[in-house]
């Protein structure tokens, strides 16, 4: 099984592993951590194409600011939406159902030497968390990142690094994703980790 892409950039550590296990394909596609639901759960789901909103300015902070409690999470959410807008894709909405999961995934990355989308049995952690939390999706994706120390320009540097990595960029710009939760965590040394969890609602 392919395990993804690991990239380092001036103190930044990024990981995106895509699990596109499409029914009947027998293949695993590497390009961000992605999960497809079984055909029965995807029945009647919307098509991927959506109208791009006509916005002349940066994305609104309205719904996101009410759901993302920390300034860092809000900044990372807004930067992802700004890149979607710049590239002609619909904005994602802040996802309150996944915020706790995103924060847990970020915190879990601080206790490890390496970022990982997988548990000890080699299974994608996010799949179990989504199922355990009763979160429904047609397609889901995860980006993980960590940087060494607090940096006022950290969110912008992190977003540039994510957009410079094909697998992370693919998750950020996936047209079918309509929800995003961003969770951040900091340890005693000031090291910061964050998780972006995207999903397409069924």
Protein backbone atom coordinates (compact mmCIF):
# COMPACT_ATOMS: atom_id res chain seq x y z
CA UNK A 1 0.00 0.00 0.00
CA UNK A 2 1.35 3.42 -0.87
CA UNK A 3 1.81 5.62 2.18
CA UNK A 4 1.78 9.11 0.73
CA UNK A 5 4.00 12.13 0.46
CA UNK A 6 6.23 13.57 3.16
CA UNK A 7 7.66 17.03 2.63
CA UNK A 8 9.76 19.32 4.78
CA UNK A 9 10.24 23.07 4.26
CA UNK A 10 12.15 25.31 6.68
CA UNK A 11 10.85 23.77 9.88
CA UNK A 12 7.53 22.65 8.39
CA UNK A 13 6.54 19.01 8.24
CA UNK A 14 3.61 18.00 6.03
CA UNK A 15 1.88 14.72 5.34
CA UNK A 16 -0.95 13.86 3.01
CA UNK A 17 -1.93 10.31 2.15
CA UNK A 18 -4.87 9.62 -0.11
CA UNK A 19 -7.01 6.58 0.30
CA UNK A 20 -9.31 6.55 -2.67
CA UNK A 21 -10.74 3.09 -2.37
CA UNK A 22 -13.41 3.33 -5.03
CA UNK A 23 -15.72 0.29 -5.11
CA UNK A 24 -14.65 -2.15 -7.79
CA UNK A 25 -11.41 -0.33 -8.64
CA UNK A 26 -9.13 -2.55 -6.55
CA UNK A 27 -6.74 0.39 -6.43
CA UNK A 28 -5.49 2.85 -3.87
CA UNK A 29 -4.84 6.34 -5.20
CA UNK A 30 -2.18 8.43 -3.44
CA UNK A 31 -2.86 12.18 -3.23
CA UNK A 32 -4.20 13.29 0.18
CA UNK A 33 -6.02 11.11 2.72
CA UNK A 34 -9.31 10.36 1.01
CA UNK A 35 -12.05 7.92 1.75
CA UNK A 36 -15.00 6.99 -0.42
CA UNK A 37 -18.14 5.58 1.13
CA UNK A 38 -19.62 2.30 -0.08
CA UNK A 39 -22.10 2.52 -2.98
CA UNK A 40 -25.13 2.09 -0.70
CA UNK A 41 -24.15 5.11 1.41
CA UNK A 42 -23.49 7.20 -1.67
CA UNK A 43 -26.86 6.51 -3.32
CA UNK A 44 -28.56 9.69 -4.38
CA UNK A 45 -25.50 11.85 -3.64
CA UNK A 46 -25.05 15.13 -5.47
CA UNK A 47 -22.88 15.48 -8.53
CA UNK A 48 -19.41 16.98 -8.03
CA UNK A 49 -20.06 20.09 -10.13
CA UNK A 50 -21.32 23.15 -8.28
CA UNK A 51 -21.70 26.79 -9.17
CA UNK A 52 -18.77 28.91 -8.03
CA UNK A 53 -19.94 31.78 -5.83
CA UNK A 54 -19.51 35.26 -7.24
CA UNK A 55 -17.42 36.98 -4.60
CA UNK A 56 -15.26 40.03 -5.18
CA UNK A 57 -13.49 39.84 -1.83
CA UNK A 58 -11.86 37.25 0.41
CA UNK A 59 -14.12 34.60 1.95
CA UNK A 60 -16.50 35.70 4.67
CA UNK A 61 -15.59 35.00 8.26
CA UNK A 62 -19.27 34.72 9.22
CA UNK A 63 -20.04 31.04 9.84
CA UNK A 64 -16.40 30.05 10.38
CA UNK A 65 -15.71 32.55 13.16
CA UNK A 66 -18.61 31.22 15.20
CA UNK A 67 -17.44 27.62 14.92
CA UNK A 68 -13.66 27.82 15.03
CA UNK A 69 -12.76 28.98 18.49
CA UNK A 70 -9.07 29.74 18.09
CA UNK A 71 -7.51 32.46 15.92
CA UNK A 72 -5.08 29.89 14.46
CA UNK A 73 -7.86 27.54 13.38
CA UNK A 74 -9.80 30.43 11.89
CA UNK A 75 -6.74 31.69 9.99
CA UNK A 76 -6.05 28.25 8.50
CA UNK A 77 -9.71 27.82 7.56
CA UNK A 78 -9.83 31.23 5.85
CA UNK A 79 -6.56 30.62 3.98
CA UNK A 80 -7.91 27.33 2.58
CA UNK A 81 -11.09 29.07 1.41
CA UNK A 82 -9.09 31.94 -0.09
CA UNK A 83 -7.11 29.43 -2.18
CA UNK A 84 -10.31 27.72 -3.30
CA UNK A 85 -11.76 31.08 -4.33
CA UNK A 86 -8.57 32.11 -6.16
CA UNK A 87 -8.66 28.87 -8.12
CA UNK A 88 -12.36 29.11 -9.04
CA UNK A 89 -13.72 26.48 -6.66
CA UNK A 90 -16.72 26.79 -4.33
CA UNK A 91 -16.06 27.77 -0.74
CA UNK A 92 -16.30 25.14 1.99
CA UNK A 93 -18.32 25.70 5.15
CA UNK A 94 -16.97 25.31 8.67
CA UNK A 95 -17.94 21.86 9.91
CA UNK A 96 -18.94 21.74 13.59
CA UNK A 97 -19.48 17.97 13.48
CA UNK A 98 -15.79 17.35 12.73
CA UNK A 99 -14.12 20.11 14.78
CA UNK A 100 -13.45 17.86 17.78
CA UNK A 101 -12.07 15.15 15.49
CA UNK A 102 -9.75 17.63 13.77
CA UNK A 103 -8.45 18.88 17.12
CA UNK A 104 -7.88 15.30 18.30
CA UNK A 105 -5.99 14.47 15.10
CA UNK A 106 -3.80 17.57 15.50
CA UNK A 107 -3.02 16.77 19.14
CA UNK A 108 -2.13 13.17 18.24
CA UNK A 109 0.58 14.42 15.86
CA UNK A 110 2.43 16.21 18.67
CA UNK A 111 3.21 12.99 20.53
CA UNK A 112 4.85 11.29 17.55
CA UNK A 113 8.17 11.59 15.75
CA UNK A 114 6.45 11.40 12.37
CA UNK A 115 3.04 12.46 11.10
CA UNK A 116 0.74 9.57 10.27
CA UNK A 117 -2.69 8.92 8.80
CA UNK A 118 -2.56 5.28 9.96
CA UNK A 119 -3.01 3.38 13.21
CA UNK A 120 -0.77 0.52 14.40
CA UNK A 121 -2.79 -1.95 12.31
CA UNK A 122 -2.20 0.08 9.14
CA UNK A 123 -5.77 1.37 8.95
CA UNK A 124 -6.62 5.04 8.28
CA UNK A 125 -7.33 6.69 11.63
CA UNK A 126 -9.79 9.19 10.17
CA UNK A 127 -12.04 6.41 8.82
CA UNK A 128 -12.53 5.01 12.31
CA UNK A 129 -13.03 8.45 13.85
CA UNK A 130 -15.66 9.45 11.29
CA UNK A 131 -17.51 6.16 11.73
CA UNK A 132 -17.27 6.34 15.53
CA UNK A 133 -18.56 9.91 15.51
CA UNK A 134 -21.47 9.08 13.22
CA UNK A 135 -20.21 11.57 10.62
CA UNK A 136 -21.68 10.84 7.19
CA UNK A 137 -19.75 11.55 4.02
CA UNK A 138 -19.48 10.59 0.41
CA UNK A 139 -15.82 11.55 0.13
CA UNK A 140 -13.47 12.63 2.92
CA UNK A 141 -9.90 13.90 2.98
CA UNK A 142 -7.28 14.76 5.58
CA UNK A 143 -4.18 16.96 5.54
CA UNK A 144 -1.77 16.96 8.48
CA UNK A 145 1.01 19.45 9.15
CA UNK A 146 3.33 20.51 11.92
CA UNK A 147 5.83 23.30 12.43
CA UNK A 148 8.58 23.59 14.96
CA UNK A 149 7.98 26.88 16.75
CA UNK A 150 5.42 29.64 17.09
CA UNK A 151 5.74 31.98 14.13
CA UNK A 152 3.48 34.99 13.44
CA UNK A 153 3.61 34.12 9.73
CA UNK A 154 3.08 30.41 10.46
CA UNK A 155 -0.42 30.05 8.98
CA UNK A 156 0.58 31.74 5.70
CA UNK A 157 3.80 29.70 5.46
CA UNK A 158 1.89 26.52 6.17
CA UNK A 159 -0.76 27.25 3.55
CA UNK A 160 1.90 28.05 0.93
CA UNK A 161 3.64 24.76 1.73
CA UNK A 162 0.36 22.83 1.50
CA UNK A 163 -0.50 24.41 -1.84
CA UNK A 164 3.01 23.59 -3.09
CA UNK A 165 2.47 19.88 -2.44
CA UNK A 166 0.32 18.15 -5.09
CA UNK A 167 -1.38 15.77 -2.64
CA UNK A 168 -2.28 18.49 -0.13
CA UNK A 169 -3.35 20.88 -2.88
CA UNK A 170 -5.63 18.19 -4.31
CA UNK A 171 -7.54 17.98 -1.02
CA UNK A 172 -7.75 21.76 -0.60
CA UNK A 173 -9.07 22.28 -4.14
CA UNK A 174 -11.32 19.19 -4.42
CA UNK A 175 -14.52 20.61 -5.98
CA UNK A 176 -16.83 18.10 -4.28
CA UNK A 177 -15.77 18.97 -0.74
CA UNK A 178 -18.31 21.27 0.90
CA UNK A 179 -17.32 21.03 4.59
CA UNK A 180 -13.99 21.62 6.37
CA UNK A 181 -12.89 21.40 9.99
CA UNK A 182 -9.47 22.70 11.01
CA UNK A 183 -8.07 21.64 14.37
CA UNK A 184 -4.84 22.94 15.89
CA UNK A 185 -2.81 21.89 18.92
CA UNK A 186 0.35 23.22 20.58
CA UNK A 187 2.74 21.42 22.93
CA UNK A 188 4.84 22.83 25.79
CA UNK A 189 7.80 23.49 23.47
CA UNK A 190 5.66 25.66 21.18
CA UNK A 191 5.50 23.09 18.40
CA UNK A 192 2.20 23.41 16.52
CA UNK A 193 0.30 20.72 14.64
CA UNK A 194 -2.90 21.00 12.70
CA UNK A 195 -5.32 18.79 10.84
CA UNK A 196 -7.65 19.72 8.00
CA UNK A 197 -10.54 17.28 7.60
CA UNK A 198 -12.63 17.77 4.49
CA UNK A 199 -15.82 15.99 3.51
CA UNK A 200 -18.50 15.89 0.89
CA UNK A 201 -21.84 15.41 2.59
CA UNK A 202 -24.03 12.54 1.31
